[in-house]
Amino acid sequence: MGPARSSRYEAAVRSARESYAALPLDAPVRLAKKTSNLFRPRADTGTTGLDLSALQGVFELDDEAGQARVGGLTTYERLVDELLPHGYVPLVVPQLRTITIGGAVSGLGIEASSFRSGLPHESVLEMDVLTPDGEVVTVTRDGEHADLFRMLPNSYGSLGYVLGLVIELERTSPYVVLEHLRFSDLDAVGAAIGEVMGTGARPGAHGGAPVDFLDGVVFGPTEAYLTLGRWSDSTQGMIPSDPTGPVPFYRSLQHRRRDVLTAHDFLWRWDTDWFWCSRAFGAQQPLARRLWPRRWLRSDVYWRAMAFEQRHRWVDSYRQRRGHPPQERVVQDVEVPLGRTADFLRWFLREVPIEPVWLCPVRLRTTTPAPDGGPPWPLYPMRVGHDYVNVGFWSAVDVPPGGVRGDTNRAIEEEVHALGGHKSLYSESFFDEATFAARYGGAAYHPVKQRYDPRGRLPTLYDKAVRAR
């Protein structure tokens, strides 16, 4: 299926298998990579990591079919750099440059095209997977390993490692034209999202322009914005904006009704300031922004700075010396049914002192349930034909007197569940094992885990997501 397997690709797969075989059987397996987009603590095992470095880049491009065979360790930045000159991008390009496509499949991903193209794994046609017993199997939606194909999304490497993928691609245009709609009522935001998702066009505009991208930002209960984007062959008479310029992209929503970005700058508009988290590093102060090298306005630079601080705890020490209360990190993305999104936002803005928050509507691209009638992707059981909104929030809150770290995250977990949603697992989670199994497909997961990892070579999903192993 898909583009042919080149000798270079086959050699890369062999090197991965050999690297895995060389790892001590009694040592934890870790992927050797320079970047991470996980926000949960992990113990330093001091072991040699699994080397998948040969599995990077686009190995084959089938221009006629609009498909590509790519390495699992390829970052989306590299995918865009290699595909965009050919007029293609993946159907969903997650917001941060250093997310790998294998990571987006095994750990989920989302972006402003997700209201029409779903999640990254839904545009995967086949995968080569290194299983815990050291074998490489080719998995597809149908066939001998269809169970593994369904179970890999949101498995976080607990069932094996994605070595290579054949993915569908989308044709691009040189520019993306944006329209920013302001709302003073959260219910009106939800109604507008529903209209766009239902019609694929601008809300309130019969026969209006199609919408290719949809996301939004909530600054408070009475100030929210939806951004409607569409591919364009021209700038529509506007000068393209620069997200690395003096005004961070999220602030531009408050001042511009219309905008245009090059396709490249649009794809990385959120990466430039890590959405808005760069303000914690001073990168949004006018003087600092003028002096800050533009090549350093990117998420992995901020991530390294944050990781350095977490190792040394200078900010915690400073806060303690000044008599400030300890803080709890609240870095989460949650999926809430569209009809309950306004309820969740009202609860969140009332109970959790974090703003702004990101909105990203999403609907599964897959249109049929699993053969057993269950969700098509059991480890993140969104329902076919239902509309959801991803709500993202990334900051820290003070631990109140008598409280403990984790209280706010636990309250969010329970509120999301009460509203019929799920939260992503890239950050800290606080579920007990039975609750986790009930909410994240445990009944479907365990037989597949037993089939492909009978000796328990890799940690379980619960070990990874909650116990941080």
Protein backbone atom coordinates (compact mmCIF):
# COMPACT_ATOMS: atom_id res chain seq x y z
CA MET A 1 0.00 0.00 0.00
CA GLY A 2 1.18 3.52 -0.74
CA PRO A 3 4.63 4.60 -1.94
CA ALA A 4 7.22 1.89 -2.50
CA ARG A 5 9.72 0.91 0.18
CA SER A 6 13.14 2.19 -0.82
CA SER A 7 16.35 0.45 0.14
CA ARG A 8 17.17 3.47 2.32
CA TYR A 9 13.93 3.02 4.24
CA GLU A 10 14.46 -0.72 4.68
CA ALA A 11 18.00 -0.06 5.97
CA ALA A 12 16.61 2.44 8.50
CA VAL A 13 14.10 -0.13 9.75
CA ARG A 14 16.87 -2.71 10.16
CA SER A 15 18.99 -0.26 12.14
CA ALA A 16 16.09 0.38 14.52
CA ARG A 17 15.55 -3.32 15.05
CA GLU A 18 19.28 -3.83 15.72
CA SER A 19 19.32 -0.94 18.21
CA TYR A 20 16.42 -2.49 20.11
CA ALA A 21 18.07 -5.92 20.13
CA ALA A 22 21.20 -4.40 21.67
CA LEU A 23 19.33 -3.01 24.70
CA PRO A 24 19.66 -4.98 27.96
CA LEU A 25 16.57 -7.08 28.54
CA ASP A 26 16.32 -6.02 32.17
CA ALA A 27 16.66 -2.27 31.51
CA PRO A 28 13.84 0.22 30.85
CA VAL A 29 13.40 1.15 27.21
CA ARG A 30 13.60 4.84 26.39
CA LEU A 31 13.49 6.54 23.03
CA ALA A 32 16.72 8.43 22.31
CA LYS A 33 15.60 11.88 21.14
CA LYS A 34 16.71 15.42 21.85
CA THR A 35 13.29 16.98 22.32
CA SER A 36 10.10 16.14 24.19
CA ASN A 37 6.60 17.53 24.40
CA LEU A 38 5.61 15.58 27.49
CA PHE A 39 4.82 17.42 30.71
CA ARG A 40 4.91 14.64 33.24
CA PRO A 41 7.94 13.84 35.41
CA ARG A 42 10.11 10.89 34.41
CA ALA A 43 12.91 9.32 36.38
CA ASP A 44 16.34 9.37 34.77
CA THR A 45 17.15 5.71 34.27
CA GLY A 46 20.65 6.35 32.96
CA THR A 47 20.14 3.72 30.26
CA THR A 48 21.02 3.90 26.59
CA GLY A 49 18.00 4.89 24.54
CA LEU A 50 16.48 3.23 21.51
CA ASP A 51 18.05 4.86 18.45
CA LEU A 52 15.52 5.60 15.71
CA SER A 53 17.52 8.48 14.26
CA ALA A 54 17.69 6.87 10.81
CA LEU A 55 13.90 7.05 10.58
CA GLN A 56 13.61 10.74 9.89
CA GLY A 57 12.33 12.56 6.84
CA VAL A 58 10.20 11.82 3.82
CA PHE A 59 11.43 8.60 2.22
CA GLU A 60 9.02 8.52 -0.73
CA LEU A 61 6.41 10.92 -2.06
CA ASP A 62 3.64 9.74 -4.36
CA ASP A 63 2.56 13.02 -5.91
CA GLU A 64 -0.25 11.49 -7.93
CA ALA A 65 -1.85 9.74 -4.95
CA GLY A 66 -1.08 12.52 -2.47
CA GLN A 67 0.67 10.11 -0.09
CA ALA A 68 4.09 9.87 1.52
CA ARG A 69 6.13 7.28 3.37
CA VAL A 70 7.80 9.02 6.32
CA GLY A 71 9.96 8.06 9.27
CA GLY A 72 8.29 7.85 12.66
CA LEU A 73 10.88 10.10 14.32
CA THR A 74 10.35 12.89 11.80
CA THR A 75 9.39 16.19 13.41
CA TYR A 76 6.53 18.09 11.87
CA GLU A 77 8.96 20.93 11.23
CA ARG A 78 10.96 18.64 8.97
CA LEU A 79 7.82 17.23 7.35
CA VAL A 80 6.67 20.74 6.48
CA ASP A 81 10.11 21.73 5.21
CA GLU A 82 10.24 18.71 2.91
CA LEU A 83 6.60 18.60 1.77
CA LEU A 84 5.59 22.26 1.48
CA PRO A 85 7.85 22.95 -1.54
CA HIS A 86 5.89 20.19 -3.32
CA GLY A 87 2.59 21.84 -2.39
CA TYR A 88 1.65 19.34 0.33
CA VAL A 89 1.32 19.12 4.10
CA PRO A 90 -0.07 16.39 6.38
CA LEU A 91 -3.83 16.67 6.92
CA VAL A 92 -3.23 17.75 10.52
CA VAL A 93 -0.03 19.59 11.51
CA PRO A 94 0.15 19.86 15.33
CA GLN A 95 1.04 23.27 16.68
CA LEU A 96 4.60 22.66 17.88
CA ARG A 97 7.54 22.14 15.52
CA THR A 98 9.30 19.36 17.42
CA ILE A 99 6.33 17.02 17.78
CA THR A 100 7.18 13.89 15.81
CA ILE A 101 4.67 12.16 13.61
CA GLY A 102 5.19 8.90 15.51
CA GLY A 103 4.55 10.82 18.72
CA ALA A 104 1.40 12.41 17.32
CA VAL A 105 0.06 8.97 16.44
CA SER A 106 0.97 7.23 19.69
CA GLY A 107 0.23 10.28 21.84
CA LEU A 108 -2.42 12.15 19.80
CA GLY A 109 -2.25 15.57 18.20
CA ILE A 110 -4.62 18.29 17.10
CA GLU A 111 -4.77 21.53 15.15
CA ALA A 112 -7.14 23.98 13.49
CA SER A 113 -7.83 21.55 10.64
CA SER A 114 -9.11 18.92 13.09
CA PHE A 115 -12.74 19.99 12.76
CA ARG A 116 -12.63 18.53 9.24
CA SER A 117 -9.59 16.18 9.26
CA GLY A 118 -9.79 14.68 12.74
CA LEU A 119 -6.62 13.55 14.51
CA PRO A 120 -3.23 12.73 12.91
CA HIS A 121 -3.60 8.96 13.17
CA GLU A 122 -6.80 9.06 11.10
CA SER A 123 -4.86 9.92 7.94
CA VAL A 124 -2.42 7.02 8.42
CA LEU A 125 -2.80 4.22 5.88
CA GLU A 126 -0.20 1.81 7.25
CA MET A 127 2.53 1.69 9.87
CA ASP A 128 5.62 -0.39 10.50
CA VAL A 129 5.76 -1.02 14.23
CA LEU A 130 8.62 -2.37 16.32
CA THR A 131 6.84 -4.59 18.84
CA PRO A 132 8.10 -5.24 22.37
CA ASP A 133 9.42 -8.68 21.37
CA GLY A 134 11.70 -7.05 18.77
CA GLU A 135 9.71 -7.93 15.66
CA VAL A 136 8.66 -5.42 13.00
CA VAL A 137 5.07 -5.79 11.81
CA THR A 138 3.16 -3.83 9.20
CA VAL A 139 -0.22 -2.77 10.53
CA THR A 140 -3.22 -1.49 8.60
CA ARG A 141 -6.87 -0.82 9.32
CA ASP A 142 -7.70 -4.32 8.09
CA GLY A 143 -5.66 -7.49 8.23
CA GLU A 144 -3.69 -9.55 10.72
CA HIS A 145 -2.66 -6.64 12.92
CA ALA A 146 -5.79 -4.49 12.74
CA ASP A 147 -6.08 -4.72 16.54
CA LEU A 148 -2.70 -3.02 16.94
CA PHE A 149 -3.61 -0.38 14.34
CA ARG A 150 -6.69 0.57 16.38
CA MET A 151 -4.89 0.47 19.71
CA LEU A 152 -1.73 2.45 18.90
CA PRO A 153 -3.32 5.93 19.11
CA ASN A 154 -2.88 7.21 22.68
CA SER A 155 -0.80 4.16 23.68
CA TYR A 156 2.34 6.28 24.28
CA GLY A 157 4.81 3.63 23.20
CA SER A 158 3.44 0.98 25.57
CA LEU A 159 2.61 -1.32 22.63
CA GLY A 160 5.67 -0.66 20.50
CA TYR A 161 7.35 2.05 18.45
CA VAL A 162 6.18 3.50 15.14
CA LEU A 163 9.10 3.21 12.73
CA GLY A 164 7.49 4.40 9.51
CA LEU A 165 4.11 5.46 8.20
CA VAL A 166 2.27 5.98 4.97
CA ILE A 167 0.13 9.10 5.35
CA GLU A 168 -2.39 11.00 3.28
CA LEU A 169 -1.47 14.56 2.33
CA GLU A 170 -3.36 17.77 1.66
CA ARG A 171 -2.74 20.21 -1.18
CA THR A 172 -1.72 23.67 -0.02
CA SER A 173 -1.85 27.25 -1.25
CA PRO A 174 0.84 29.89 -0.65
CA TYR A 175 -1.20 31.81 1.94
CA VAL A 176 -3.83 31.43 4.64
CA VAL A 177 -6.34 34.26 5.00
CA LEU A 178 -7.73 34.69 8.52
CA GLU A 179 -10.83 36.30 9.97
CA HIS A 180 -11.06 36.88 13.72
CA LEU A 181 -14.60 36.96 15.14
CA ARG A 182 -15.11 38.46 18.60
CA PHE A 183 -17.70 37.16 21.06
CA SER A 184 -18.85 38.44 24.44
CA ASP A 185 -20.87 35.33 25.30
CA LEU A 186 -19.54 31.78 25.65
CA ASP A 187 -22.77 30.17 24.46
CA ALA A 188 -22.52 32.23 21.27
CA VAL A 189 -19.00 30.88 20.75
CA GLY A 190 -20.30 27.33 20.95
CA ALA A 191 -23.15 28.09 18.56
CA ALA A 192 -20.76 29.60 16.01
CA ILE A 193 -18.43 26.59 16.25
CA GLY A 194 -21.39 24.29 15.67
CA GLU A 195 -22.46 26.23 12.59
CA VAL A 196 -18.99 26.11 11.04
CA MET A 197 -18.64 22.41 11.79
CA GLY A 198 -22.07 21.75 10.33
CA THR A 199 -21.72 23.79 7.14
CA GLY A 200 -17.97 24.15 6.59
CA ALA A 201 -18.55 27.87 6.01
CA ARG A 202 -18.48 31.15 7.88
CA PRO A 203 -21.27 31.36 10.49
CA GLY A 204 -24.27 33.45 9.51
CA ALA A 205 -23.18 33.63 5.87
CA HIS A 206 -25.44 31.62 3.57
CA GLY A 207 -23.22 30.30 0.83
CA GLY A 208 -20.24 32.05 2.43
CA ALA A 209 -16.56 31.33 1.98
CA PRO A 210 -15.42 27.85 3.01
CA VAL A 211 -13.47 27.45 6.25
CA ASP A 212 -10.32 25.31 6.15
CA PHE A 213 -9.08 26.09 9.67
CA LEU A 214 -10.96 26.84 12.90
CA ASP A 215 -9.68 27.55 16.40
CA GLY A 216 -10.09 30.22 19.06
CA VAL A 217 -8.87 31.91 22.21
CA VAL A 218 -10.85 32.76 25.35
CA PHE A 219 -9.46 35.65 27.37
CA GLY A 220 -12.33 35.71 29.84
CA PRO A 221 -16.10 35.14 30.22
CA THR A 222 -16.91 38.15 28.02
CA GLU A 223 -13.99 38.16 25.58
CA ALA A 224 -13.41 35.30 23.18
CA TYR A 225 -12.31 34.98 19.55
CA LEU A 226 -12.78 32.42 16.83
CA THR A 227 -10.29 32.42 13.98
CA LEU A 228 -11.55 31.21 10.61
CA GLY A 229 -8.83 30.44 8.08
CA ARG A 230 -8.83 29.40 4.45
CA TRP A 231 -6.18 28.57 1.90
CA SER A 232 -5.58 31.35 -0.61
CA ASP A 233 -3.50 31.82 -3.74
CA SER A 234 -3.10 35.53 -3.00
CA THR A 235 -2.73 37.88 -0.04
CA GLN A 236 -6.15 39.44 -0.73
CA GLY A 237 -4.49 42.85 -0.85
CA MET A 238 -2.98 42.55 2.64
CA ILE A 239 0.64 42.47 3.75
CA PRO A 240 1.43 39.11 5.37
CA SER A 241 1.92 39.33 9.13
CA ASP A 242 4.98 37.97 10.93
CA PRO A 243 4.32 35.98 14.12
CA THR A 244 7.91 36.69 15.22
CA GLY A 245 7.24 40.42 15.01
CA PRO A 246 6.52 42.81 17.90
CA VAL A 247 2.93 41.59 18.46
CA PRO A 248 2.54 37.93 19.50
CA PHE A 249 -0.01 36.14 17.35
CA TYR A 250 -2.57 35.63 20.12
CA ARG A 251 -2.58 39.35 20.90
CA SER A 252 -3.16 40.17 17.25
CA LEU A 253 -6.60 38.54 17.51
CA GLN A 254 -7.68 41.43 19.74
CA HIS A 255 -6.63 44.12 17.26
CA ARG A 256 -7.18 42.75 13.74
CA ARG A 257 -10.37 41.60 12.16
CA ARG A 258 -8.60 40.14 9.10
CA ASP A 259 -5.06 38.92 8.55
CA VAL A 260 -2.98 36.86 6.15
CA LEU A 261 0.04 34.64 6.78
CA THR A 262 2.24 32.63 4.51
CA ALA A 263 1.41 28.93 4.70
CA HIS A 264 4.67 28.30 6.58
CA ASP A 265 4.07 31.06 9.15
CA PHE A 266 0.47 29.96 9.64
CA LEU A 267 1.49 26.41 10.48
CA TRP A 268 3.92 27.66 13.17
CA ARG A 269 1.97 30.70 14.40
CA TRP A 270 1.47 29.07 17.81
CA ASP A 271 4.96 27.61 18.08
CA THR A 272 6.59 31.07 17.95
CA ASP A 273 5.40 32.01 21.44
CA TRP A 274 4.47 28.53 22.63
CA PHE A 275 0.94 29.86 22.25
CA TRP A 276 1.36 32.55 24.94
CA CYS A 277 3.66 30.77 27.39
CA SER A 278 6.69 32.78 26.19
CA ARG A 279 5.50 35.61 28.44
CA ALA A 280 6.87 33.64 31.41
CA PHE A 281 10.34 34.06 29.89
CA GLY A 282 9.98 37.76 29.14
CA ALA A 283 9.85 37.19 25.37
CA GLN A 284 6.74 39.35 25.01
CA GLN A 285 8.18 42.45 26.67
CA PRO A 286 8.74 45.01 23.88
CA LEU A 287 12.43 45.60 24.62
CA ALA A 288 13.19 41.93 25.20
CA ARG A 289 11.34 40.98 22.03
CA ARG A 290 13.41 43.42 19.96
CA LEU A 291 16.62 41.93 21.35
CA TRP A 292 15.52 38.29 21.35
CA PRO A 293 16.92 36.53 18.25
CA ARG A 294 14.00 35.55 16.05
CA ARG A 295 15.43 32.09 15.52
CA TRP A 296 14.98 31.56 19.29
CA LEU A 297 11.28 32.42 19.19
CA ARG A 298 10.20 28.79 19.16
CA SER A 299 8.73 26.29 21.57
CA ASP A 300 11.74 24.01 22.02
CA VAL A 301 13.84 26.96 23.28
CA TYR A 302 11.23 27.74 25.95
CA TRP A 303 10.88 24.04 26.76
CA ARG A 304 14.61 23.72 27.44
CA ALA A 305 14.50 26.80 29.66
CA MET A 306 11.57 25.36 31.58
CA ALA A 307 13.26 21.96 31.95
CA PHE A 308 16.38 23.69 33.30
CA GLU A 309 14.28 25.50 35.89
CA GLN A 310 12.51 22.30 36.92
CA ARG A 311 15.84 20.62 37.54
CA HIS A 312 17.19 23.47 39.67
CA ARG A 313 13.95 24.86 41.19
CA TRP A 314 15.25 28.42 41.37
CA VAL A 315 11.80 29.95 41.01
CA ASP A 316 10.37 27.69 43.73
CA SER A 317 13.22 28.66 46.04
CA TYR A 318 12.69 32.35 45.32
CA ARG A 319 8.95 32.09 45.95
CA GLN A 320 9.56 30.24 49.20
CA ARG A 321 12.02 32.88 50.43
CA ARG A 322 9.49 35.60 49.65
CA GLY A 323 6.75 33.77 51.56
CA HIS A 324 4.65 32.92 48.50
CA PRO A 325 2.56 29.73 48.53
CA PRO A 326 3.72 26.68 46.57
CA GLN A 327 2.30 26.22 43.09
CA GLU A 328 0.71 23.38 41.17
CA ARG A 329 1.43 23.05 37.48
CA VAL A 330 -1.76 22.91 35.41
CA VAL A 331 -0.74 21.97 31.87
CA GLN A 332 -3.58 20.12 30.17
CA ASP A 333 -5.62 19.65 27.02
CA VAL A 334 -9.12 18.25 27.33
CA GLU A 335 -11.81 17.26 24.83
CA VAL A 336 -15.32 18.30 25.82
CA PRO A 337 -18.50 17.68 23.80
CA LEU A 338 -19.38 20.82 21.87
CA GLY A 339 -22.73 21.17 23.63
CA ARG A 340 -21.02 21.28 27.05
CA THR A 341 -18.04 23.45 26.11
CA ALA A 342 -19.56 26.70 27.40
CA ASP A 343 -20.43 24.96 30.68
CA PHE A 344 -16.86 23.76 31.06
CA LEU A 345 -15.42 27.19 30.25
CA ARG A 346 -17.65 28.90 32.79
CA TRP A 347 -16.62 26.39 35.44
CA PHE A 348 -12.94 26.64 34.53
CA LEU A 349 -12.82 30.45 34.44
CA ARG A 350 -14.58 30.55 37.80
CA GLU A 351 -12.51 27.87 39.55
CA VAL A 352 -9.04 28.00 37.93
CA PRO A 353 -7.19 31.35 37.67
CA ILE A 354 -5.63 30.72 34.26
CA GLU A 355 -6.13 32.76 31.10
CA PRO A 356 -6.20 32.72 28.16
CA VAL A 357 -7.28 29.26 27.05
CA TRP A 358 -7.20 27.74 23.57
CA LEU A 359 -10.18 26.27 21.73
CA CYS A 360 -9.76 23.75 18.91
CA PRO A 361 -12.91 22.08 17.53
CA VAL A 362 -12.49 18.45 16.50
CA ARG A 363 -14.59 15.73 14.95
CA LEU A 364 -13.36 12.22 14.19
CA ARG A 365 -12.61 11.80 10.49
CA THR A 366 -13.41 8.11 10.88
CA THR A 367 -17.09 7.60 10.13
CA THR A 368 -17.68 4.02 11.25
CA PRO A 369 -17.39 2.41 14.70
CA ALA A 370 -15.11 -0.53 15.35
CA PRO A 371 -16.27 -3.99 14.20
CA ASP A 372 -17.47 -4.70 17.74
CA GLY A 373 -19.56 -1.53 17.72
CA GLY A 374 -17.22 0.30 20.09
CA PRO A 375 -15.22 3.47 19.50
CA PRO A 376 -12.85 3.28 16.52
CA TRP A 377 -9.87 4.32 18.69
CA PRO A 378 -10.48 2.64 22.07
CA LEU A 379 -7.73 4.35 24.08
CA TYR A 380 -9.29 7.76 23.47
CA PRO A 381 -12.96 6.87 23.06
CA MET A 382 -14.38 9.86 21.21
CA ARG A 383 -17.65 8.95 19.52
CA VAL A 384 -18.19 8.83 15.78
CA GLY A 385 -20.38 11.64 14.46
CA HIS A 386 -20.08 13.79 17.59
CA ASP A 387 -18.50 17.22 17.76
CA TYR A 388 -15.95 18.12 20.44
CA VAL A 389 -13.83 21.09 21.42
CA ASN A 390 -10.29 20.75 22.68
CA VAL A 391 -9.65 23.22 25.49
CA GLY A 392 -5.98 23.85 26.24
CA PHE A 393 -4.57 25.64 29.28
CA TRP A 394 -0.95 25.77 30.35
CA SER A 395 0.18 27.56 33.51
CA ALA A 396 0.40 27.15 37.29
CA VAL A 397 -1.85 28.04 40.21
CA ASP A 398 -1.19 28.65 43.89
CA VAL A 399 -1.90 25.77 46.25
CA PRO A 400 -4.42 27.17 48.76
CA PRO A 401 -4.02 26.77 52.52
CA GLY A 402 -4.93 23.21 53.46
CA GLY A 403 -4.63 22.04 49.86
CA VAL A 404 -2.03 19.84 48.19
CA ARG A 405 -0.44 19.76 44.76
CA GLY A 406 -2.73 17.89 42.40
CA ASP A 407 -6.04 19.16 43.79
CA THR A 408 -6.74 21.43 40.83
CA ASN A 409 -5.79 18.82 38.25
CA ARG A 410 -7.98 16.24 39.95
CA ALA A 411 -10.92 18.65 39.97
CA ILE A 412 -10.42 19.26 36.24
CA GLU A 413 -10.29 15.53 35.54
CA GLU A 414 -13.61 14.98 37.30
CA GLU A 415 -15.34 17.97 35.73
CA VAL A 416 -14.29 16.89 32.25
CA HIS A 417 -15.56 13.37 32.91
CA ALA A 418 -18.85 14.67 34.29
CA LEU A 419 -19.38 16.60 31.05
CA GLY A 420 -18.69 13.52 28.89
CA GLY A 421 -15.13 14.37 27.84
CA HIS A 422 -11.58 13.11 28.16
CA LYS A 423 -8.25 14.69 28.87
CA SER A 424 -5.04 14.07 26.98
CA LEU A 425 -2.27 12.10 28.68
CA TYR A 426 0.86 14.06 27.75
CA SER A 427 0.87 15.74 31.16
CA GLU A 428 0.33 14.68 34.76
CA SER A 429 -2.66 12.48 35.54
CA PHE A 430 -4.06 11.45 38.91
CA PHE A 431 -6.45 8.56 38.21
CA ASP A 432 -6.49 5.36 40.22
CA GLU A 433 -5.90 2.28 38.08
CA ALA A 434 -9.51 1.11 37.90
CA THR A 435 -10.80 4.56 36.95
CA PHE A 436 -8.09 4.93 34.32
CA ALA A 437 -8.95 1.56 32.76
CA ALA A 438 -12.63 2.47 32.64
CA ARG A 439 -12.01 5.82 30.95
CA TYR A 440 -9.20 4.86 28.59
CA GLY A 441 -10.22 1.59 27.01
CA GLY A 442 -8.68 -0.83 29.49
CA ALA A 443 -10.91 -3.74 28.49
CA ALA A 444 -9.80 -3.43 24.85
CA TYR A 445 -6.18 -2.57 25.69
CA HIS A 446 -5.20 -5.50 27.89
CA PRO A 447 -5.73 -8.31 25.32
CA VAL A 448 -3.67 -6.40 22.75
CA LYS A 449 -0.97 -5.66 25.31
CA GLN A 450 -0.83 -9.37 26.14
CA ARG A 451 -0.63 -10.34 22.46
CA TYR A 452 2.24 -8.02 21.53
CA ASP A 453 4.05 -7.74 24.87
CA PRO A 454 3.48 -11.05 26.71
CA ARG A 455 6.70 -10.68 28.75
CA GLY A 456 5.96 -7.11 29.86
CA ARG A 457 9.03 -5.66 28.14
CA LEU A 458 7.47 -2.18 27.98
CA PRO A 459 5.54 -0.35 30.70
CA THR A 460 1.75 -0.33 30.54
CA LEU A 461 -0.16 2.77 29.50
CA TYR A 462 -1.09 3.37 33.14
CA ASP A 463 2.56 3.06 34.13
CA LYS A 464 3.47 5.71 31.58
CA ALA A 465 0.57 8.13 31.95
CA VAL A 466 0.07 8.10 35.72
CA ARG A 467 3.07 6.45 37.37
CA ALA A 468 5.44 8.33 35.00
CA ARG A 469 7.62 5.29 34.26
